[in-house]
Amino acid sequence: MNKLKHFINQSFIGGVLVIAPVIILLLGLRWAVNGVQSLIAPMTSPLVRISGAPPLFVDLLVIALILFGCFIVGTVVATSAGRWAQDFIDAHLARFAPGYRLIRDIIQQMFGTNSNSPFTKGEVAVVQLYGTQNPVRATAIITSRHSNGWFTVFVPTGPNPTSGFVYHLPPECVEARPDIKLDTAFKSIISCGAGSSELGLIRSQEN
């Protein structure tokens, strides 16, 4: 009887572990689709009434036009006149909408277009935050090197590497790791440290 009960429990838990991620994914996709439809509704609703076309077709058409518009804007911004216009708009929007610059920087970091971002420009390092006598080490990104030999590093928090802490450390507390790529290090941070041994992030402890 106990074996049967254990078998039923294990089967039920196994089924939940398989089905639950699929259901959550579908709910997320449904939420995203509903959100997009709500955003473009002011444009699609008049077109549906005028043309009589199926709503799904109109939705896809409007999304395609928006994507095409993004392509056109990106092409214009690549020119010197477009960059001047972008800087002019950014300056005025940042003045009247304080949150605009933060949103812009986050999006640029997500797409890797912010050349000043540590997520695209930094160098992976292993740091000792509490001095060389303390065995505790942390994965960090070197964001600045100072003339006196000190480093400014950013220590991301897992599983969200876009948040973290900034430290200023002497050279003896920083081990630069140019052999480790940024995206590889971020994968380890997102997975809360899984894969650190494969990367050799703590090799200095073995020496």
N, C-alpha and C. Protein backbone atom coordinates (compact mmCIF):
# COMPACT_ATOMS: atom_id res chain seq x y z
N MET A 1 0.82 -1.21 0.00
CA MET A 1 0.00 0.00 0.00
C MET A 1 0.86 1.26 0.00
N ASN A 2 1.93 1.23 0.82
CA ASN A 2 2.82 2.38 0.87
C ASN A 2 3.53 2.58 -0.47
N LYS A 3 3.91 1.46 -1.11
CA LYS A 3 4.57 1.56 -2.41
C LYS A 3 3.62 2.16 -3.46
N LEU A 4 2.35 1.75 -3.43
CA LEU A 4 1.37 2.30 -4.35
C LEU A 4 1.17 3.79 -4.12
N LYS A 5 1.10 4.18 -2.86
CA LYS A 5 0.93 5.60 -2.51
C LYS A 5 2.13 6.41 -2.97
N HIS A 6 3.33 5.85 -2.74
CA HIS A 6 4.55 6.53 -3.18
C HIS A 6 4.59 6.66 -4.70
N PHE A 7 4.19 5.60 -5.40
CA PHE A 7 4.17 5.63 -6.86
C PHE A 7 3.20 6.70 -7.38
N ILE A 8 2.01 6.76 -6.78
CA ILE A 8 1.02 7.76 -7.20
C ILE A 8 1.53 9.18 -6.96
N ASN A 9 2.14 9.41 -5.79
CA ASN A 9 2.68 10.74 -5.47
C ASN A 9 3.78 11.14 -6.44
N GLN A 10 4.69 10.20 -6.71
CA GLN A 10 5.79 10.49 -7.63
C GLN A 10 5.28 10.77 -9.03
N SER A 11 4.28 9.99 -9.47
CA SER A 11 3.72 10.20 -10.81
C SER A 11 3.03 11.56 -10.90
N PHE A 12 2.29 11.90 -9.84
CA PHE A 12 1.59 13.19 -9.83
C PHE A 12 2.58 14.35 -9.85
N ILE A 13 3.62 14.27 -9.01
CA ILE A 13 4.63 15.34 -8.98
C ILE A 13 5.36 15.43 -10.31
N GLY A 14 5.69 14.26 -10.89
CA GLY A 14 6.36 14.27 -12.19
C GLY A 14 5.50 14.92 -13.27
N GLY A 15 4.19 14.63 -13.24
CA GLY A 15 3.30 15.25 -14.21
C GLY A 15 3.20 16.75 -14.03
N VAL A 16 3.15 17.18 -12.78
CA VAL A 16 3.09 18.63 -12.50
C VAL A 16 4.36 19.32 -13.00
N LEU A 17 5.52 18.71 -12.79
CA LEU A 17 6.78 19.31 -13.20
C LEU A 17 6.88 19.42 -14.73
N VAL A 18 6.20 18.54 -15.44
CA VAL A 18 6.22 18.60 -16.90
C VAL A 18 5.18 19.59 -17.43
N ILE A 19 3.98 19.54 -16.87
CA ILE A 19 2.87 20.34 -17.40
C ILE A 19 2.92 21.79 -16.93
N ALA A 20 3.32 22.03 -15.67
CA ALA A 20 3.29 23.38 -15.12
C ALA A 20 4.12 24.38 -15.93
N PRO A 21 5.37 24.06 -16.32
CA PRO A 21 6.13 25.03 -17.13
C PRO A 21 5.45 25.36 -18.46
N VAL A 22 4.81 24.34 -19.08
CA VAL A 22 4.12 24.57 -20.35
C VAL A 22 2.95 25.52 -20.15
N ILE A 23 2.17 25.29 -19.08
CA ILE A 23 1.02 26.15 -18.80
C ILE A 23 1.47 27.58 -18.51
N ILE A 24 2.53 27.72 -17.70
CA ILE A 24 3.04 29.06 -17.39
C ILE A 24 3.53 29.77 -18.65
N LEU A 25 4.20 29.02 -19.54
CA LEU A 25 4.66 29.61 -20.79
C LEU A 25 3.49 30.08 -21.65
N LEU A 26 2.45 29.25 -21.75
CA LEU A 26 1.28 29.62 -22.54
C LEU A 26 0.57 30.84 -21.93
N LEU A 27 0.49 30.89 -20.60
CA LEU A 27 -0.12 32.06 -19.95
C LEU A 27 0.70 33.32 -20.21
N GLY A 28 2.03 33.16 -20.21
CA GLY A 28 2.88 34.31 -20.50
C GLY A 28 2.71 34.79 -21.93
N LEU A 29 2.62 33.84 -22.87
CA LEU A 29 2.40 34.22 -24.26
C LEU A 29 1.04 34.89 -24.44
N ARG A 30 0.03 34.35 -23.74
CA ARG A 30 -1.30 34.96 -23.83
C ARG A 30 -1.29 36.38 -23.27
N TRP A 31 -0.59 36.56 -22.16
CA TRP A 31 -0.49 37.91 -21.57
C TRP A 31 0.21 38.86 -22.53
N ALA A 32 1.28 38.38 -23.19
CA ALA A 32 2.01 39.23 -24.12
C ALA A 32 1.15 39.60 -25.33
N VAL A 33 0.43 38.60 -25.87
CA VAL A 33 -0.42 38.87 -27.04
C VAL A 33 -1.53 39.85 -26.68
N ASN A 34 -2.17 39.64 -25.52
CA ASN A 34 -3.23 40.55 -25.10
C ASN A 34 -2.69 41.97 -24.88
N GLY A 35 -1.48 42.05 -24.33
CA GLY A 35 -0.87 43.36 -24.12
C GLY A 35 -0.60 44.08 -25.43
N VAL A 36 -0.07 43.35 -26.41
CA VAL A 36 0.20 43.96 -27.72
C VAL A 36 -1.10 44.39 -28.39
N GLN A 37 -2.12 43.53 -28.31
CA GLN A 37 -3.41 43.88 -28.92
C GLN A 37 -4.01 45.12 -28.26
N SER A 38 -3.86 45.25 -26.95
CA SER A 38 -4.39 46.44 -26.27
C SER A 38 -3.65 47.70 -26.71
N LEU A 39 -2.34 47.58 -26.90
CA LEU A 39 -1.55 48.75 -27.30
C LEU A 39 -1.88 49.22 -28.72
N ILE A 40 -2.12 48.27 -29.62
CA ILE A 40 -2.36 48.66 -31.01
C ILE A 40 -3.85 48.80 -31.32
N ALA A 41 -4.71 48.58 -30.32
CA ALA A 41 -6.16 48.67 -30.55
C ALA A 41 -6.60 50.01 -31.13
N PRO A 42 -6.03 51.16 -30.68
CA PRO A 42 -6.46 52.44 -31.28
C PRO A 42 -6.21 52.52 -32.78
N MET A 43 -5.25 51.75 -33.29
CA MET A 43 -4.97 51.75 -34.73
C MET A 43 -5.75 50.66 -35.46
N THR A 44 -5.90 49.49 -34.82
CA THR A 44 -6.54 48.37 -35.51
C THR A 44 -8.06 48.48 -35.56
N SER A 45 -8.67 49.02 -34.50
CA SER A 45 -10.13 49.08 -34.45
C SER A 45 -10.72 49.87 -35.62
N PRO A 46 -10.23 51.10 -35.91
CA PRO A 46 -10.78 51.82 -37.08
C PRO A 46 -10.56 51.09 -38.39
N LEU A 47 -9.39 50.42 -38.54
CA LEU A 47 -9.12 49.70 -39.78
C LEU A 47 -10.07 48.52 -39.96
N VAL A 48 -10.39 47.84 -38.86
CA VAL A 48 -11.32 46.71 -38.94
C VAL A 48 -12.71 47.20 -39.36
N ARG A 49 -13.14 48.33 -38.79
CA ARG A 49 -14.46 48.86 -39.14
C ARG A 49 -14.51 49.33 -40.59
N ILE A 50 -13.45 49.96 -41.05
CA ILE A 50 -13.45 50.51 -42.42
C ILE A 50 -13.29 49.42 -43.46
N SER A 51 -12.33 48.51 -43.23
CA SER A 51 -12.03 47.51 -44.25
C SER A 51 -12.87 46.25 -44.14
N GLY A 52 -13.36 45.95 -42.94
CA GLY A 52 -14.10 44.71 -42.75
C GLY A 52 -13.23 43.47 -42.77
N ALA A 53 -11.91 43.67 -42.69
CA ALA A 53 -10.98 42.54 -42.71
C ALA A 53 -10.99 41.83 -41.35
N PRO A 54 -10.56 40.58 -41.30
CA PRO A 54 -10.48 39.86 -40.02
C PRO A 54 -9.56 40.59 -39.04
N PRO A 55 -9.94 40.66 -37.77
CA PRO A 55 -9.12 41.38 -36.78
C PRO A 55 -7.69 40.86 -36.69
N LEU A 56 -7.51 39.53 -36.81
CA LEU A 56 -6.16 38.97 -36.72
C LEU A 56 -5.29 39.47 -37.86
N PHE A 57 -5.86 39.54 -39.07
CA PHE A 57 -5.10 40.03 -40.22
C PHE A 57 -4.70 41.49 -40.01
N VAL A 58 -5.62 42.29 -39.50
CA VAL A 58 -5.32 43.70 -39.25
C VAL A 58 -4.25 43.85 -38.17
N ASP A 59 -4.33 43.02 -37.13
CA ASP A 59 -3.31 43.05 -36.08
C ASP A 59 -1.93 42.77 -36.64
N LEU A 60 -1.83 41.73 -37.45
CA LEU A 60 -0.54 41.37 -38.04
C LEU A 60 -0.04 42.47 -38.97
N LEU A 61 -0.96 43.09 -39.72
CA LEU A 61 -0.58 44.16 -40.63
C LEU A 61 -0.02 45.36 -39.86
N VAL A 62 -0.70 45.74 -38.77
CA VAL A 62 -0.25 46.88 -37.98
C VAL A 62 1.11 46.59 -37.33
N ILE A 63 1.29 45.37 -36.82
CA ILE A 63 2.57 45.00 -36.22
C ILE A 63 3.68 45.06 -37.26
N ALA A 64 3.39 44.57 -38.48
CA ALA A 64 4.38 44.62 -39.55
C ALA A 64 4.73 46.07 -39.89
N LEU A 65 3.73 46.96 -39.91
CA LEU A 65 3.99 48.36 -40.20
C LEU A 65 4.82 49.01 -39.10
N ILE A 66 4.55 48.63 -37.84
CA ILE A 66 5.34 49.18 -36.73
C ILE A 66 6.80 48.73 -36.84
N LEU A 67 7.01 47.44 -37.15
CA LEU A 67 8.37 46.94 -37.31
C LEU A 67 9.08 47.62 -38.48
N PHE A 68 8.34 47.84 -39.57
CA PHE A 68 8.91 48.55 -40.71
C PHE A 68 9.27 49.99 -40.33
N GLY A 69 8.39 50.61 -39.51
CA GLY A 69 8.68 51.95 -39.03
C GLY A 69 9.94 51.99 -38.18
N CYS A 70 10.15 50.96 -37.34
CA CYS A 70 11.38 50.88 -36.54
C CYS A 70 12.60 50.78 -37.45
N PHE A 71 12.46 50.01 -38.54
CA PHE A 71 13.57 49.88 -39.49
C PHE A 71 13.89 51.23 -40.14
N ILE A 72 12.85 51.96 -40.53
CA ILE A 72 13.06 53.27 -41.16
C ILE A 72 13.72 54.24 -40.18
N VAL A 73 13.21 54.28 -38.95
CA VAL A 73 13.79 55.18 -37.94
C VAL A 73 15.25 54.81 -37.67
N GLY A 74 15.54 53.51 -37.57
CA GLY A 74 16.92 53.08 -37.35
C GLY A 74 17.83 53.47 -38.48
N THR A 75 17.31 53.42 -39.71
CA THR A 75 18.11 53.83 -40.86
C THR A 75 18.39 55.32 -40.82
N VAL A 76 17.39 56.10 -40.45
CA VAL A 76 17.56 57.56 -40.38
C VAL A 76 18.54 57.94 -39.27
N VAL A 77 18.41 57.27 -38.12
CA VAL A 77 19.27 57.59 -36.97
C VAL A 77 20.73 57.26 -37.27
N ALA A 78 20.99 56.35 -38.20
CA ALA A 78 22.37 56.00 -38.55
C ALA A 78 23.08 57.13 -39.29
N THR A 79 22.33 58.11 -39.80
CA THR A 79 22.93 59.24 -40.48
C THR A 79 23.29 60.33 -39.46
N SER A 80 24.14 61.27 -39.88
CA SER A 80 24.56 62.35 -38.98
C SER A 80 23.37 63.23 -38.61
N ALA A 81 22.49 63.53 -39.57
CA ALA A 81 21.31 64.34 -39.27
C ALA A 81 20.38 63.60 -38.32
N GLY A 82 20.25 62.28 -38.52
CA GLY A 82 19.40 61.49 -37.64
C GLY A 82 19.94 61.45 -36.23
N ARG A 83 21.27 61.33 -36.08
CA ARG A 83 21.86 61.33 -34.74
C ARG A 83 21.66 62.67 -34.06
N TRP A 84 21.77 63.76 -34.83
CA TRP A 84 21.53 65.09 -34.25
C TRP A 84 20.09 65.20 -33.76
N ALA A 85 19.15 64.71 -34.57
CA ALA A 85 17.74 64.76 -34.18
C ALA A 85 17.48 63.89 -32.95
N GLN A 86 18.13 62.73 -32.89
CA GLN A 86 17.96 61.86 -31.74
C GLN A 86 18.48 62.52 -30.47
N ASP A 87 19.67 63.13 -30.55
CA ASP A 87 20.24 63.82 -29.39
C ASP A 87 19.34 64.97 -28.95
N PHE A 88 18.78 65.68 -29.92
CA PHE A 88 17.90 66.81 -29.60
C PHE A 88 16.64 66.32 -28.88
N ILE A 89 16.05 65.23 -29.40
CA ILE A 89 14.83 64.67 -28.79
C ILE A 89 15.15 64.10 -27.41
N ASP A 90 16.29 63.40 -27.29
CA ASP A 90 16.67 62.82 -26.00
C ASP A 90 16.83 63.89 -24.94
N ALA A 91 17.49 64.99 -25.31
CA ALA A 91 17.73 66.06 -24.35
C ALA A 91 16.42 66.66 -23.85
N HIS A 92 15.46 66.90 -24.76
CA HIS A 92 14.19 67.51 -24.37
C HIS A 92 13.30 66.53 -23.60
N LEU A 93 13.29 65.26 -24.02
CA LEU A 93 12.49 64.28 -23.30
C LEU A 93 13.04 64.05 -21.90
N ALA A 94 14.38 64.02 -21.77
CA ALA A 94 14.97 63.83 -20.45
C ALA A 94 14.65 64.99 -19.52
N ARG A 95 14.44 66.18 -20.10
CA ARG A 95 14.12 67.35 -19.28
C ARG A 95 12.68 67.31 -18.79
N PHE A 96 11.77 66.90 -19.66
CA PHE A 96 10.34 66.92 -19.30
C PHE A 96 9.85 65.58 -18.77
N ALA A 97 10.58 64.51 -19.03
CA ALA A 97 10.20 63.17 -18.54
C ALA A 97 11.43 62.53 -17.92
N PRO A 98 11.64 62.73 -16.62
CA PRO A 98 12.87 62.25 -15.96
C PRO A 98 13.11 60.75 -16.11
N GLY A 99 12.06 59.96 -16.21
CA GLY A 99 12.24 58.52 -16.31
C GLY A 99 12.64 58.04 -17.69
N TYR A 100 12.63 58.93 -18.68
CA TYR A 100 12.93 58.54 -20.05
C TYR A 100 14.36 58.03 -20.19
N ARG A 101 15.31 58.75 -19.60
CA ARG A 101 16.72 58.37 -19.74
C ARG A 101 16.99 57.00 -19.11
N LEU A 102 16.35 56.72 -17.96
CA LEU A 102 16.53 55.42 -17.33
C LEU A 102 16.00 54.30 -18.21
N ILE A 103 14.79 54.50 -18.77
CA ILE A 103 14.20 53.49 -19.65
C ILE A 103 15.07 53.28 -20.89
N ARG A 104 15.58 54.37 -21.45
CA ARG A 104 16.43 54.28 -22.64
C ARG A 104 17.70 53.49 -22.34
N ASP A 105 18.34 53.78 -21.21
CA ASP A 105 19.58 53.08 -20.86
C ASP A 105 19.34 51.60 -20.63
N ILE A 106 18.21 51.24 -19.99
CA ILE A 106 17.90 49.83 -19.75
C ILE A 106 17.71 49.09 -21.07
N ILE A 107 16.98 49.71 -22.00
CA ILE A 107 16.74 49.07 -23.30
C ILE A 107 18.05 48.94 -24.08
N GLN A 108 18.90 49.96 -24.02
CA GLN A 108 20.19 49.88 -24.71
C GLN A 108 21.06 48.78 -24.13
N GLN A 109 21.00 48.60 -22.81
CA GLN A 109 21.77 47.53 -22.19
C GLN A 109 21.23 46.16 -22.59
N MET A 110 19.91 46.04 -22.69
CA MET A 110 19.31 44.77 -23.08
C MET A 110 19.74 44.36 -24.48
N PHE A 111 19.85 45.33 -25.40
CA PHE A 111 20.20 45.04 -26.78
C PHE A 111 21.69 45.20 -27.04
N GLY A 112 22.46 45.57 -25.99
CA GLY A 112 23.91 45.66 -26.13
C GLY A 112 24.38 46.81 -26.98
N THR A 113 23.61 47.90 -27.06
CA THR A 113 23.99 49.04 -27.89
C THR A 113 24.56 50.19 -27.08
N ASN A 114 24.63 50.03 -25.77
CA ASN A 114 25.18 51.08 -24.91
C ASN A 114 26.67 50.82 -24.75
N SER A 115 27.50 51.58 -25.46
CA SER A 115 28.93 51.33 -25.45
C SER A 115 29.56 51.64 -24.10
N ASN A 116 28.88 52.43 -23.27
CA ASN A 116 29.41 52.75 -21.95
C ASN A 116 28.94 51.80 -20.87
N SER A 117 28.15 50.82 -21.25
CA SER A 117 27.59 49.89 -20.28
C SER A 117 28.61 48.82 -19.91
N PRO A 118 28.69 48.43 -18.63
CA PRO A 118 29.58 47.34 -18.25
C PRO A 118 29.19 46.02 -18.88
N PHE A 119 27.95 45.91 -19.37
CA PHE A 119 27.49 44.67 -19.96
C PHE A 119 28.04 44.47 -21.37
N THR A 120 28.64 45.49 -21.94
CA THR A 120 29.20 45.37 -23.29
C THR A 120 30.68 45.73 -23.33
N LYS A 121 31.17 46.42 -22.30
CA LYS A 121 32.52 46.98 -22.36
C LYS A 121 33.43 46.44 -21.26
N GLY A 122 32.86 45.88 -20.20
CA GLY A 122 33.64 45.49 -19.05
C GLY A 122 34.45 44.22 -19.26
N GLU A 123 35.20 43.89 -18.22
CA GLU A 123 36.06 42.71 -18.23
C GLU A 123 35.76 41.88 -16.98
N VAL A 124 35.65 40.57 -17.16
CA VAL A 124 35.32 39.69 -16.04
C VAL A 124 36.50 39.63 -15.08
N ALA A 125 36.19 39.59 -13.79
CA ALA A 125 37.22 39.47 -12.77
C ALA A 125 36.67 38.70 -11.58
N VAL A 126 37.58 38.15 -10.79
CA VAL A 126 37.24 37.56 -9.50
C VAL A 126 37.86 38.45 -8.43
N VAL A 127 37.04 38.94 -7.51
CA VAL A 127 37.51 39.94 -6.56
C VAL A 127 37.36 39.44 -5.13
N GLN A 128 38.23 39.96 -4.26
CA GLN A 128 38.16 39.70 -2.83
C GLN A 128 37.70 41.00 -2.17
N LEU A 129 36.44 41.04 -1.83
CA LEU A 129 35.83 42.28 -1.35
C LEU A 129 36.31 42.67 0.04
N TYR A 130 36.76 41.72 0.82
CA TYR A 130 37.08 41.99 2.22
C TYR A 130 38.56 41.80 2.53
N GLY A 131 39.41 41.97 1.51
CA GLY A 131 40.84 41.87 1.72
C GLY A 131 41.39 40.50 1.34
N THR A 132 42.69 40.45 1.14
CA THR A 132 43.32 39.21 0.67
C THR A 132 43.34 38.12 1.72
N GLN A 133 43.17 38.47 2.99
CA GLN A 133 43.18 37.46 4.04
C GLN A 133 41.83 36.76 4.18
N ASN A 134 40.80 37.32 3.55
CA ASN A 134 39.46 36.73 3.62
C ASN A 134 39.25 35.85 2.39
N PRO A 135 38.85 34.58 2.57
CA PRO A 135 38.73 33.67 1.43
C PRO A 135 37.52 33.94 0.53
N VAL A 136 36.62 34.82 0.96
CA VAL A 136 35.40 35.05 0.18
C VAL A 136 35.75 35.77 -1.12
N ARG A 137 35.22 35.25 -2.23
CA ARG A 137 35.45 35.86 -3.55
C ARG A 137 34.11 36.08 -4.24
N ALA A 138 34.09 36.99 -5.22
CA ALA A 138 32.87 37.31 -5.95
C ALA A 138 33.20 37.51 -7.42
N THR A 139 32.25 37.12 -8.27
CA THR A 139 32.37 37.39 -9.70
C THR A 139 32.02 38.85 -9.94
N ALA A 140 32.87 39.56 -10.68
CA ALA A 140 32.68 41.00 -10.88
C ALA A 140 33.03 41.38 -12.30
N ILE A 141 32.72 42.63 -12.62
CA ILE A 141 33.06 43.20 -13.92
C ILE A 141 33.88 44.45 -13.68
N ILE A 142 35.05 44.52 -14.28
CA ILE A 142 35.89 45.71 -14.15
C ILE A 142 35.30 46.82 -15.02
N THR A 143 34.92 47.92 -14.40
CA THR A 143 34.32 49.02 -15.13
C THR A 143 35.27 50.21 -15.29
N SER A 144 36.33 50.26 -14.44
CA SER A 144 37.27 51.37 -14.56
C SER A 144 38.60 50.99 -13.91
N ARG A 145 39.70 51.46 -14.52
CA ARG A 145 41.05 51.28 -13.97
C ARG A 145 41.60 52.66 -13.65
N HIS A 146 42.13 52.83 -12.45
CA HIS A 146 42.60 54.14 -12.00
C HIS A 146 44.11 54.24 -12.11
N SER A 147 44.61 55.48 -12.14
CA SER A 147 46.04 55.73 -12.34
C SER A 147 46.88 55.19 -11.18
N ASN A 148 46.30 55.07 -10.00
CA ASN A 148 47.05 54.55 -8.85
C ASN A 148 47.02 53.02 -8.76
N GLY A 149 46.45 52.37 -9.79
CA GLY A 149 46.40 50.92 -9.83
C GLY A 149 45.12 50.31 -9.29
N TRP A 150 44.27 51.10 -8.66
CA TRP A 150 43.02 50.60 -8.12
C TRP A 150 42.02 50.32 -9.24
N PHE A 151 41.00 49.53 -8.90
CA PHE A 151 39.95 49.17 -9.85
C PHE A 151 38.59 49.59 -9.29
N THR A 152 37.69 49.96 -10.19
CA THR A 152 36.27 50.07 -9.86
C THR A 152 35.57 48.89 -10.51
N VAL A 153 34.85 48.11 -9.71
CA VAL A 153 34.21 46.91 -10.24
C VAL A 153 32.73 46.94 -9.91
N PHE A 154 31.98 46.26 -10.75
CA PHE A 154 30.54 46.08 -10.54
C PHE A 154 30.30 44.61 -10.24
N VAL A 155 29.69 44.33 -9.10
CA VAL A 155 29.39 42.95 -8.69
C VAL A 155 27.90 42.70 -8.90
N PRO A 156 27.52 41.96 -9.95
CA PRO A 156 26.09 41.71 -10.22
C PRO A 156 25.50 40.78 -9.18
N THR A 157 24.19 40.88 -9.03
CA THR A 157 23.46 39.97 -8.15
C THR A 157 22.72 38.95 -9.02
N GLY A 158 22.69 37.71 -8.57
CA GLY A 158 21.97 36.68 -9.30
C GLY A 158 20.58 36.47 -8.71
N PRO A 159 19.62 36.11 -9.52
CA PRO A 159 19.73 35.80 -10.95
C PRO A 159 19.54 37.02 -11.86
N ASN A 160 19.49 38.23 -11.29
CA ASN A 160 19.30 39.44 -12.09
C ASN A 160 20.61 40.21 -12.17
N PRO A 161 21.39 40.05 -13.26
CA PRO A 161 22.71 40.69 -13.33
C PRO A 161 22.67 42.18 -13.60
N THR A 162 21.48 42.76 -13.85
CA THR A 162 21.41 44.19 -14.10
C THR A 162 21.42 45.01 -12.81
N SER A 163 21.30 44.34 -11.67
CA SER A 163 21.42 45.03 -10.39
C SER A 163 22.65 44.50 -9.66
N GLY A 164 23.19 45.31 -8.78
CA GLY A 164 24.38 44.88 -8.07
C GLY A 164 24.99 46.01 -7.27
N PHE A 165 26.30 45.91 -7.00
CA PHE A 165 26.99 46.88 -6.15
C PHE A 165 28.29 47.30 -6.82
N VAL A 166 28.70 48.55 -6.55
CA VAL A 166 29.94 49.09 -7.08
C VAL A 166 30.97 49.15 -5.95
N TYR A 167 32.17 48.63 -6.23
CA TYR A 167 33.25 48.63 -5.23
C TYR A 167 34.51 49.22 -5.85
N HIS A 168 35.33 49.82 -5.01
CA HIS A 168 36.64 50.34 -5.41
C HIS A 168 37.69 49.54 -4.65
N LEU A 169 38.53 48.79 -5.37
CA LEU A 169 39.41 47.82 -4.75
C LEU A 169 40.85 48.01 -5.19
N PRO A 170 41.80 47.69 -4.30
CA PRO A 170 43.22 47.73 -4.68
C PRO A 170 43.54 46.58 -5.62
N PRO A 171 44.65 46.66 -6.35
CA PRO A 171 44.95 45.64 -7.37
C PRO A 171 45.13 44.24 -6.80
N GLU A 172 45.62 44.12 -5.56
CA GLU A 172 45.83 42.79 -5.00
C GLU A 172 44.51 42.06 -4.71
N CYS A 173 43.40 42.78 -4.73
CA CYS A 173 42.10 42.16 -4.48
C CYS A 173 41.33 41.86 -5.76
N VAL A 174 41.95 42.12 -6.90
CA VAL A 174 41.26 41.94 -8.18
C VAL A 174 42.07 41.02 -9.08
N GLU A 175 41.46 39.94 -9.52
CA GLU A 175 42.08 39.02 -10.48
C GLU A 175 41.31 39.11 -11.79
N ALA A 176 41.89 39.84 -12.76
CA ALA A 176 41.24 39.97 -14.06
C ALA A 176 41.23 38.62 -14.77
N ARG A 177 40.12 38.33 -15.44
CA ARG A 177 39.97 37.06 -16.15
C ARG A 177 39.58 37.32 -17.61
N PRO A 178 40.52 37.79 -18.43
CA PRO A 178 40.20 38.05 -19.85
C PRO A 178 39.86 36.80 -20.63
N ASP A 179 40.17 35.61 -20.06
CA ASP A 179 39.87 34.36 -20.75
C ASP A 179 38.40 33.99 -20.68
N ILE A 180 37.63 34.71 -19.84
CA ILE A 180 36.20 34.42 -19.70
C ILE A 180 35.40 35.52 -20.38
N LYS A 181 34.52 35.14 -21.29
CA LYS A 181 33.70 36.12 -22.01
C LYS A 181 32.58 36.63 -21.11
N LEU A 182 32.17 37.87 -21.36
CA LEU A 182 31.12 38.47 -20.55
C LEU A 182 29.82 37.68 -20.59
N ASP A 183 29.39 37.28 -21.78
CA ASP A 183 28.11 36.58 -21.88
C ASP A 183 28.16 35.25 -21.15
N THR A 184 29.32 34.59 -21.15
CA THR A 184 29.46 33.33 -20.44
C THR A 184 29.37 33.55 -18.93
N ALA A 185 30.01 34.61 -18.44
CA ALA A 185 29.95 34.92 -17.02
C ALA A 185 28.52 35.27 -16.60
N PHE A 186 27.81 36.01 -17.45
CA PHE A 186 26.44 36.40 -17.12
C PHE A 186 25.52 35.18 -17.06
N LYS A 187 25.77 34.18 -17.91
CA LYS A 187 24.97 32.96 -17.85
C LYS A 187 25.13 32.29 -16.50
N SER A 188 26.35 32.31 -15.97
CA SER A 188 26.59 31.72 -14.65
C SER A 188 25.90 32.53 -13.56
N ILE A 189 25.91 33.85 -13.70
CA ILE A 189 25.26 34.70 -12.70
C ILE A 189 23.76 34.51 -12.73
N ILE A 190 23.18 34.45 -13.93
CA ILE A 190 21.73 34.26 -14.06
C ILE A 190 21.30 32.92 -13.46
N SER A 191 22.16 31.92 -13.57
CA SER A 191 21.85 30.60 -13.01
C SER A 191 22.33 30.46 -11.57
N CYS A 192 22.56 31.61 -10.91
CA CYS A 192 22.94 31.64 -9.48
C CYS A 192 24.23 30.87 -9.19
N GLY A 193 25.19 30.97 -10.10
CA GLY A 193 26.51 30.38 -9.86
C GLY A 193 26.73 29.04 -10.52
N ALA A 194 25.69 28.43 -11.08
CA ALA A 194 25.87 27.14 -11.75
C ALA A 194 26.82 27.30 -12.93
N GLY A 195 27.76 26.41 -13.06
CA GLY A 195 28.73 26.47 -14.14
C GLY A 195 30.01 27.20 -13.77
N SER A 196 30.13 27.68 -12.54
CA SER A 196 31.34 28.40 -12.13
C SER A 196 32.58 27.52 -12.17
N SER A 197 32.41 26.24 -11.82
CA SER A 197 33.57 25.34 -11.83
C SER A 197 34.08 25.10 -13.25
N GLU A 198 33.15 25.02 -14.22
CA GLU A 198 33.56 24.85 -15.62
C GLU A 198 34.31 26.07 -16.13
N LEU A 199 33.92 27.25 -15.64
CA LEU A 199 34.61 28.48 -16.06
C LEU A 199 35.94 28.67 -15.35
N GLY A 200 36.14 27.98 -14.25
CA GLY A 200 37.37 28.14 -13.49
C GLY A 200 37.42 29.46 -12.75
N LEU A 201 36.27 29.92 -12.27
CA LEU A 201 36.22 31.22 -11.62
C LEU A 201 36.96 31.25 -10.29
N ILE A 202 37.16 30.10 -9.66
CA ILE A 202 37.81 30.09 -8.36
C ILE A 202 39.16 29.38 -8.42
N ARG A 203 39.82 29.44 -9.56
CA ARG A 203 41.11 28.76 -9.70
C ARG A 203 42.14 29.37 -8.76
N SER A 204 42.00 30.69 -8.42
CA SER A 204 42.99 31.35 -7.57
C SER A 204 43.02 30.74 -6.19
N GLN A 205 41.93 30.09 -5.75
CA GLN A 205 41.91 29.46 -4.45
C GLN A 205 42.71 28.17 -4.44
N GLU A 206 42.91 27.61 -5.63
CA GLU A 206 43.61 26.33 -5.72
C GLU A 206 45.11 26.54 -5.81
N ASN A 207 45.55 27.78 -6.15
CA ASN A 207 46.97 28.05 -6.33
C ASN A 207 47.63 28.37 -4.99
